[in-house]
PDB file of all heavy atoms in Angstrom:
ATOM      1  N   ILE A   1     139.745 100.032 103.686  1.00  0.00           N
ATOM      2  CA  ILE A   1     139.427  99.444 104.992  1.00  0.00           C
ATOM      3  C   ILE A   1     138.152 100.061 105.553  1.00  0.00           C
ATOM      4  O   ILE A   1     137.264  99.342 106.033  1.00  0.00           O
ATOM      5  CB  ILE A   1     140.607  99.612 105.961  1.00  0.00           C
ATOM      6  CG1 ILE A   1     141.778  98.735 105.529  1.00  0.00           C
ATOM      7  CG2 ILE A   1     140.189  99.270 107.391  1.00  0.00           C
ATOM      8  CD1 ILE A   1     143.054  98.959 106.316  1.00  0.00           C
ATOM      9  N   ALA A   2     138.034 101.385 105.478  1.00  0.00           N
ATOM     10  CA  ALA A   2     136.861 102.061 106.037  1.00  0.00           C
ATOM     11  C   ALA A   2     135.588 101.699 105.273  1.00  0.00           C
ATOM     12  O   ALA A   2     134.566 101.336 105.877  1.00  0.00           O
ATOM     13  CB  ALA A   2     137.076 103.573 106.024  1.00  0.00           C
ATOM     14  N   LEU A   3     135.636 101.778 103.948  1.00  0.00           N
ATOM     15  CA  LEU A   3     134.455 101.472 103.148  1.00  0.00           C
ATOM     16  C   LEU A   3     134.099  99.992 103.225  1.00  0.00           C
ATOM     17  O   LEU A   3     132.925  99.621 103.338  1.00  0.00           O
ATOM     18  CB  LEU A   3     134.691 101.894 101.694  1.00  0.00           C
ATOM     19  CG  LEU A   3     133.492 101.865 100.768  1.00  0.00           C
ATOM     20  CD1 LEU A   3     132.372 102.745 101.306  1.00  0.00           C
ATOM     21  CD2 LEU A   3     133.900 102.321  99.382  1.00  0.00           C
ATOM     22  N   GLY A   4     135.109  99.133 103.180  1.00  0.00           N
ATOM     23  CA  GLY A   4     134.861  97.702 103.299  1.00  0.00           C
ATOM     24  C   GLY A   4     134.223  97.337 104.625  1.00  0.00           C
ATOM     25  O   GLY A   4     133.252  96.582 104.683  1.00  0.00           O
ATOM     26  N   SER A   5     134.754  97.889 105.717  1.00  0.00           N
ATOM     27  CA  SER A   5     134.177  97.587 107.030  1.00  0.00           C
ATOM     28  C   SER A   5     132.763  98.155 107.151  1.00  0.00           C
ATOM     29  O   SER A   5     131.897  97.533 107.761  1.00  0.00           O
ATOM     30  CB  SER A   5     135.075  98.088 108.160  1.00  0.00           C
ATOM     31  OG  SER A   5     135.197  99.484 108.122  1.00  0.00           O
ATOM     32  N   LEU A   6     132.504  99.318 106.547  1.00  0.00           N
ATOM     33  CA  LEU A   6     131.147  99.874 106.558  1.00  0.00           C
ATOM     34  C   LEU A   6     130.175  98.943 105.842  1.00  0.00           C
ATOM     35  O   LEU A   6     129.082  98.671 106.353  1.00  0.00           O
ATOM     36  CB  LEU A   6     131.143 101.257 105.903  1.00  0.00           C
ATOM     37  CG  LEU A   6     129.762 101.894 105.770  1.00  0.00           C
ATOM     38  CD1 LEU A   6     129.297 102.391 107.128  1.00  0.00           C
ATOM     39  CD2 LEU A   6     129.775 103.008 104.753  1.00  0.00           C
ATOM     40  N   LEU A   7     130.572  98.435 104.682  1.00  0.00           N
ATOM     41  CA  LEU A   7     129.688  97.536 103.935  1.00  0.00           C
ATOM     42  C   LEU A   7     129.490  96.208 104.660  1.00  0.00           C
ATOM     43  O   LEU A   7     128.395  95.641 104.624  1.00  0.00           O
ATOM     44  CB  LEU A   7     130.248  97.303 102.531  1.00  0.00           C
ATOM     45  CG  LEU A   7     130.248  98.527 101.611  1.00  0.00           C
ATOM     46  CD1 LEU A   7     130.929  98.199 100.287  1.00  0.00           C
ATOM     47  CD2 LEU A   7     128.853  99.052 101.381  1.00  0.00           C
ATOM     48  N   ILE A   8     130.531  95.713 105.311  1.00  0.00           N
ATOM     49  CA  ILE A   8     130.405  94.462 106.071  1.00  0.00           C
ATOM     50  C   ILE A   8     129.450  94.648 107.242  1.00  0.00           C
ATOM     51  O   ILE A   8     128.548  93.839 107.470  1.00  0.00           O
ATOM     52  CB  ILE A   8     131.783  93.987 106.567  1.00  0.00           C
ATOM     53  CG1 ILE A   8     132.660  93.568 105.400  1.00  0.00           C
ATOM     54  CG2 ILE A   8     131.641  92.825 107.556  1.00  0.00           C
ATOM     55  CD1 ILE A   8     134.127  93.401 105.750  1.00  0.00           C
ATOM     56  N   VAL A   9     129.649  95.724 107.976  1.00  0.00           N
ATOM     57  CA  VAL A   9     128.865  95.973 109.188  1.00  0.00           C
ATOM     58  C   VAL A   9     127.414  96.315 108.865  1.00  0.00           C
ATOM     59  O   VAL A   9     126.501  95.880 109.567  1.00  0.00           O
ATOM     60  CB  VAL A   9     129.518  97.107 110.019  1.00  0.00           C
ATOM     61  CG1 VAL A   9     128.601  97.598 111.108  1.00  0.00           C
ATOM     62  CG2 VAL A   9     130.835  96.643 110.598  1.00  0.00           C
ATOM     63  N   CYS A  10     127.178  97.071 107.815  1.00  0.00           N
ATOM     64  CA  CYS A  10     125.845  97.606 107.539  1.00  0.00           C
ATOM     65  C   CYS A  10     125.086  96.857 106.450  1.00  0.00           C
ATOM     66  O   CYS A  10     124.175  97.410 105.833  1.00  0.00           O
ATOM     67  CB  CYS A  10     125.956  99.084 107.176  1.00  0.00           C
ATOM     68  SG  CYS A  10     126.597 100.099 108.509  1.00  0.00           S
ATOM     69  N   SER A  11     125.443  95.619 106.183  1.00  0.00           N
ATOM     70  CA  SER A  11     124.711  94.812 105.209  1.00  0.00           C
ATOM     71  C   SER A  11     123.785  93.847 105.926  1.00  0.00           C
ATOM     72  O   SER A  11     124.138  93.275 106.958  1.00  0.00           O
ATOM     73  CB  SER A  11     125.677  94.016 104.334  1.00  0.00           C
ATOM     74  OG  SER A  11     126.453  94.871 103.558  1.00  0.00           O
ATOM     75  N   LYS A  12     122.603  93.675 105.351  1.00  0.00           N
ATOM     76  CA  LYS A  12     121.630  92.750 105.923  1.00  0.00           C
ATOM     77  C   LYS A  12     122.134  91.317 105.818  1.00  0.00           C
ATOM     78  O   LYS A  12     122.898  90.977 104.925  1.00  0.00           O
ATOM     79  CB  LYS A  12     120.308  92.820 105.153  1.00  0.00           C
ATOM     80  CG  LYS A  12     119.516  94.056 105.374  1.00  0.00           C
ATOM     81  CD  LYS A  12     118.226  93.981 104.585  1.00  0.00           C
ATOM     82  CE  LYS A  12     117.441  95.258 104.728  1.00  0.00           C
ATOM     83  NZ  LYS A  12     116.220  95.236 103.915  1.00  0.00           N
ATOM     84  N   GLU A  13     121.684  90.513 106.740  1.00  0.00           N
ATOM     85  CA  GLU A  13     121.897  89.070 106.649  1.00  0.00           C
ATOM     86  C   GLU A  13     120.909  88.522 105.621  1.00  0.00           C
ATOM     87  O   GLU A  13     119.913  89.165 105.300  1.00  0.00           O
ATOM     88  CB  GLU A  13     121.654  88.407 108.002  1.00  0.00           C
ATOM     89  CG  GLU A  13     122.648  88.809 109.067  1.00  0.00           C
ATOM     90  CD  GLU A  13     124.052  88.337 108.755  1.00  0.00           C
ATOM     91  OE1 GLU A  13     124.253  87.135 108.524  1.00  0.00           O
ATOM     92  OE2 GLU A  13     124.944  89.192 108.719  1.00  0.00           O
ATOM     93  N   LYS A  14     121.164  87.309 105.113  1.00  0.00           N
ATOM     94  CA  LYS A  14     120.251  86.724 104.135  1.00  0.00           C
ATOM     95  C   LYS A  14     118.855  86.545 104.727  1.00  0.00           C
ATOM     96  O   LYS A  14     117.860  86.692 104.044  1.00  0.00           O
ATOM     97  CB  LYS A  14     120.801  85.403 103.622  1.00  0.00           C
ATOM     98  CG  LYS A  14     121.992  85.588 102.724  1.00  0.00           C
ATOM     99  CD  LYS A  14     122.524  84.281 102.196  1.00  0.00           C
ATOM    100  CE  LYS A  14     123.762  84.560 101.354  1.00  0.00           C
ATOM    101  NZ  LYS A  14     124.405  83.337 100.911  1.00  0.00           N
ATOM    102  N   SER A  15     118.815  86.211 106.012  1.00  0.00           N
ATOM    103  CA  SER A  15     117.521  86.091 106.701  1.00  0.00           C
ATOM    104  C   SER A  15     117.523  87.062 107.882  1.00  0.00           C
ATOM    105  O   SER A  15     117.847  86.698 108.999  1.00  0.00           O
ATOM    106  CB  SER A  15     117.292  84.654 107.169  1.00  0.00           C
ATOM    107  OG  SER A  15     118.331  84.265 108.045  1.00  0.00           O
ATOM    108  N   GLU A  16     117.179  88.292 107.596  1.00  0.00           N
ATOM    109  CA  GLU A  16     117.174  89.351 108.613  1.00  0.00           C
ATOM    110  C   GLU A  16     115.804  89.365 109.293  1.00  0.00           C
ATOM    111  O   GLU A  16     114.779  89.624 108.663  1.00  0.00           O
ATOM    112  CB  GLU A  16     117.454  90.698 107.937  1.00  0.00           C
ATOM    113  CG  GLU A  16     117.641  91.857 108.882  1.00  0.00           C
ATOM    114  CD  GLU A  16     119.053  91.966 109.426  1.00  0.00           C
ATOM    115  OE1 GLU A  16     119.987  91.420 108.829  1.00  0.00           O
ATOM    116  OE2 GLU A  16     119.201  92.609 110.469  1.00  0.00           O
ATOM    117  N   ASP A  17     115.764  89.033 110.586  1.00  0.00           N
ATOM    118  CA  ASP A  17     114.522  89.049 111.333  1.00  0.00           C
ATOM    119  C   ASP A  17     114.716  89.836 112.630  1.00  0.00           C
ATOM    120  O   ASP A  17     115.754  90.471 112.825  1.00  0.00           O
ATOM    121  CB  ASP A  17     114.037  87.626 111.612  1.00  0.00           C
ATOM    122  CG  ASP A  17     115.045  86.791 112.381  1.00  0.00           C
ATOM    123  OD1 ASP A  17     116.092  87.322 112.766  1.00  0.00           O
ATOM    124  OD2 ASP A  17     114.774  85.594 112.597  1.00  0.00           O
ATOM    125  N   GLU A  18     113.713  89.792 113.505  1.00  0.00           N
ATOM    126  CA  GLU A  18     113.789  90.542 114.755  1.00  0.00           C
ATOM    127  C   GLU A  18     114.923  90.052 115.658  1.00  0.00           C
ATOM    128  O   GLU A  18     115.577  90.836 116.329  1.00  0.00           O
ATOM    129  CB  GLU A  18     112.454  90.454 115.507  1.00  0.00           C
ATOM    130  CG  GLU A  18     111.331  91.226 114.840  1.00  0.00           C
ATOM    131  CD  GLU A  18     111.620  92.709 114.742  1.00  0.00           C
ATOM    132  OE1 GLU A  18     112.170  93.299 115.700  1.00  0.00           O
ATOM    133  OE2 GLU A  18     111.309  93.295 113.691  1.00  0.00           O
ATOM    134  N   MET A  19     115.175  88.739 115.668  1.00  0.00           N
ATOM    135  CA  MET A  19     116.257  88.207 116.496  1.00  0.00           C
ATOM    136  C   MET A  19     117.609  88.672 115.976  1.00  0.00           C
ATOM    137  O   MET A  19     118.494  89.023 116.761  1.00  0.00           O
ATOM    138  CB  MET A  19     116.182  86.668 116.533  1.00  0.00           C
ATOM    139  CG  MET A  19     117.097  86.072 117.542  1.00  0.00           C
ATOM    140  SD  MET A  19     116.669  86.691 119.201  1.00  0.00           S
ATOM    141  CE  MET A  19     118.013  86.055 120.128  1.00  0.00           C
ATOM    142  N   THR A  20     117.774  88.701 114.665  1.00  0.00           N
ATOM    143  CA  THR A  20     119.021  89.192 114.073  1.00  0.00           C
ATOM    144  C   THR A  20     119.230  90.654 114.433  1.00  0.00           C
ATOM    145  O   THR A  20     120.350  91.072 114.754  1.00  0.00           O
ATOM    146  CB  THR A  20     119.004  89.023 112.543  1.00  0.00           C
ATOM    147  OG1 THR A  20     118.712  87.664 112.232  1.00  0.00           O
ATOM    148  CG2 THR A  20     120.323  89.419 111.927  1.00  0.00           C
ATOM    149  N   ARG A  21     118.163  91.429 114.376  1.00  0.00           N
ATOM    150  CA  ARG A  21     118.262  92.851 114.753  1.00  0.00           C
ATOM    151  C   ARG A  21     118.635  93.012 116.219  1.00  0.00           C
ATOM    152  O   ARG A  21     119.429  93.878 116.571  1.00  0.00           O
ATOM    153  CB  ARG A  21     116.951  93.566 114.461  1.00  0.00           C
ATOM    154  CG  ARG A  21     116.704  93.732 112.994  1.00  0.00           C
ATOM    155  CD  ARG A  21     115.458  94.525 112.724  1.00  0.00           C
ATOM    156  NE  ARG A  21     115.163  94.448 111.304  1.00  0.00           N
ATOM    157  CZ  ARG A  21     113.950  94.448 110.797  1.00  0.00           C
ATOM    158  NH1 ARG A  21     112.907  94.532 111.586  1.00  0.00           N
ATOM    159  NH2 ARG A  21     113.763  94.368 109.508  1.00  0.00           N
ATOM    160  N   ALA A  22     118.077  92.168 117.085  1.00  0.00           N
ATOM    161  CA  ALA A  22     118.418  92.229 118.508  1.00  0.00           C
ATOM    162  C   ALA A  22     119.884  91.844 118.729  1.00  0.00           C
ATOM    163  O   ALA A  22     120.590  92.494 119.520  1.00  0.00           O
ATOM    164  CB  ALA A  22     117.497  91.307 119.307  1.00  0.00           C
ATOM    165  N   ILE A  23     120.352  90.824 118.025  1.00  0.00           N
ATOM    166  CA  ILE A  23     121.761  90.425 118.133  1.00  0.00           C
ATOM    167  C   ILE A  23     122.659  91.528 117.593  1.00  0.00           C
ATOM    168  O   ILE A  23     123.703  91.834 118.169  1.00  0.00           O
ATOM    169  CB  ILE A  23     122.002  89.087 117.396  1.00  0.00           C
ATOM    170  CG1 ILE A  23     121.278  87.957 118.120  1.00  0.00           C
ATOM    171  CG2 ILE A  23     123.485  88.781 117.268  1.00  0.00           C
ATOM    172  CD1 ILE A  23     121.260  86.646 117.362  1.00  0.00           C
ATOM    173  N   ARG A  24     122.252  92.153 116.496  1.00  0.00           N
ATOM    174  CA  ARG A  24     123.013  93.246 115.897  1.00  0.00           C
ATOM    175  C   ARG A  24     123.156  94.407 116.893  1.00  0.00           C
ATOM    176  O   ARG A  24     124.245  94.948 117.084  1.00  0.00           O
ATOM    177  CB  ARG A  24     122.309  93.720 114.623  1.00  0.00           C
ATOM    178  CG  ARG A  24     123.074  94.711 113.801  1.00  0.00           C
ATOM    179  CD  ARG A  24     122.279  95.121 112.560  1.00  0.00           C
ATOM    180  NE  ARG A  24     122.030  94.053 111.637  1.00  0.00           N
ATOM    181  CZ  ARG A  24     122.909  93.601 110.738  1.00  0.00           C
ATOM    182  NH1 ARG A  24     124.104  94.142 110.677  1.00  0.00           N
ATOM    183  NH2 ARG A  24     122.590  92.634 109.918  1.00  0.00           N
ATOM    184  N   LEU A  25     122.079  94.768 117.546  1.00  0.00           N
ATOM    185  CA  LEU A  25     122.107  95.864 118.515  1.00  0.00           C
ATOM    186  C   LEU A  25     122.948  95.500 119.736  1.00  0.00           C
ATOM    187  O   LEU A  25     123.749  96.313 120.217  1.00  0.00           O
ATOM    188  CB  LEU A  25     120.684  96.229 118.946  1.00  0.00           C
ATOM    189  CG  LEU A  25     120.544  97.407 119.889  1.00  0.00           C
ATOM    190  CD1 LEU A  25     121.105  98.677 119.256  1.00  0.00           C
ATOM    191  CD2 LEU A  25     119.090  97.602 120.265  1.00  0.00           C
ATOM    192  N   SER A  26     122.812  94.282 120.218  1.00  0.00           N
ATOM    193  CA  SER A  26     123.606  93.824 121.350  1.00  0.00           C
ATOM    194  C   SER A  26     125.097  93.812 121.005  1.00  0.00           C
ATOM    195  O   SER A  26     125.936  94.240 121.807  1.00  0.00           O
ATOM    196  CB  SER A  26     123.153  92.419 121.760  1.00  0.00           C
ATOM    197  OG  SER A  26     123.993  91.892 122.739  1.00  0.00           O
ATOM    198  N   ALA A  27     125.430  93.329 119.813  1.00  0.00           N
ATOM    199  CA  ALA A  27     126.832  93.300 119.377  1.00  0.00           C
ATOM    200  C   ALA A  27     127.391  94.710 119.248  1.00  0.00           C
ATOM    201  O   ALA A  27     128.549  94.959 119.599  1.00  0.00           O
ATOM    202  CB  ALA A  27     126.955  92.560 118.051  1.00  0.00           C
ATOM    203  N   LEU A  28     126.577  95.636 118.772  1.00  0.00           N
ATOM    204  CA  LEU A  28     127.018  97.026 118.646  1.00  0.00           C
ATOM    205  C   LEU A  28     127.333  97.620 120.012  1.00  0.00           C
ATOM    206  O   LEU A  28     128.367  98.264 120.198  1.00  0.00           O
ATOM    207  CB  LEU A  28     125.943  97.850 117.938  1.00  0.00           C
ATOM    208  CG  LEU A  28     126.274  99.289 117.622  1.00  0.00           C
ATOM    209  CD1 LEU A  28     127.421  99.349 116.621  1.00  0.00           C
ATOM    210  CD2 LEU A  28     125.062  99.998 117.071  1.00  0.00           C
ATOM    211  N   LEU A  29     126.479  97.374 120.977  1.00  0.00           N
ATOM    212  CA  LEU A  29     126.696  97.885 122.325  1.00  0.00           C
ATOM    213  C   LEU A  29     127.927  97.234 122.968  1.00  0.00           C
ATOM    214  O   LEU A  29     128.768  97.924 123.553  1.00  0.00           O
ATOM    215  CB  LEU A  29     125.459  97.638 123.185  1.00  0.00           C
ATOM    216  CG  LEU A  29     125.447  98.266 124.565  1.00  0.00           C
ATOM    217  CD1 LEU A  29     125.581  99.785 124.467  1.00  0.00           C
ATOM    218  CD2 LEU A  29     124.189  97.897 125.298  1.00  0.00           C
ATOM    219  N   ASN A  30     128.062  95.929 122.834  1.00  0.00           N
ATOM    220  CA  ASN A  30     129.224  95.238 123.399  1.00  0.00           C
ATOM    221  C   ASN A  30     130.521  95.679 122.716  1.00  0.00           C
ATOM    222  O   ASN A  30     131.554  95.835 123.376  1.00  0.00           O
ATOM    223  CB  ASN A  30     129.059  93.729 123.286  1.00  0.00           C
ATOM    224  CG  ASN A  30     128.007  93.207 124.243  1.00  0.00           C
ATOM    225  OD1 ASN A  30     127.764  93.799 125.280  1.00  0.00           O
ATOM    226  ND2 ASN A  30     127.369  92.112 123.875  1.00  0.00           N
ATOM    227  N   ALA A  31     130.488  95.903 121.406  1.00  0.00           N
ATOM    228  CA  ALA A  31     131.670  96.387 120.687  1.00  0.00           C
ATOM    229  C   ALA A  31     132.056  97.777 121.171  1.00  0.00           C
ATOM    230  O   ALA A  31     133.244  98.080 121.307  1.00  0.00           O
ATOM    231  CB  ALA A  31     131.405  96.401 119.186  1.00  0.00           C
TER     232      ALA A  31
END
């Protein structure tokens, strides 16, 4: 569970751009 969730959370999207990074950071803060 721990390793799987780490890989899910910390893997790039197929199209990782600045907007994806901003959404990622916002989701991290909201979580």
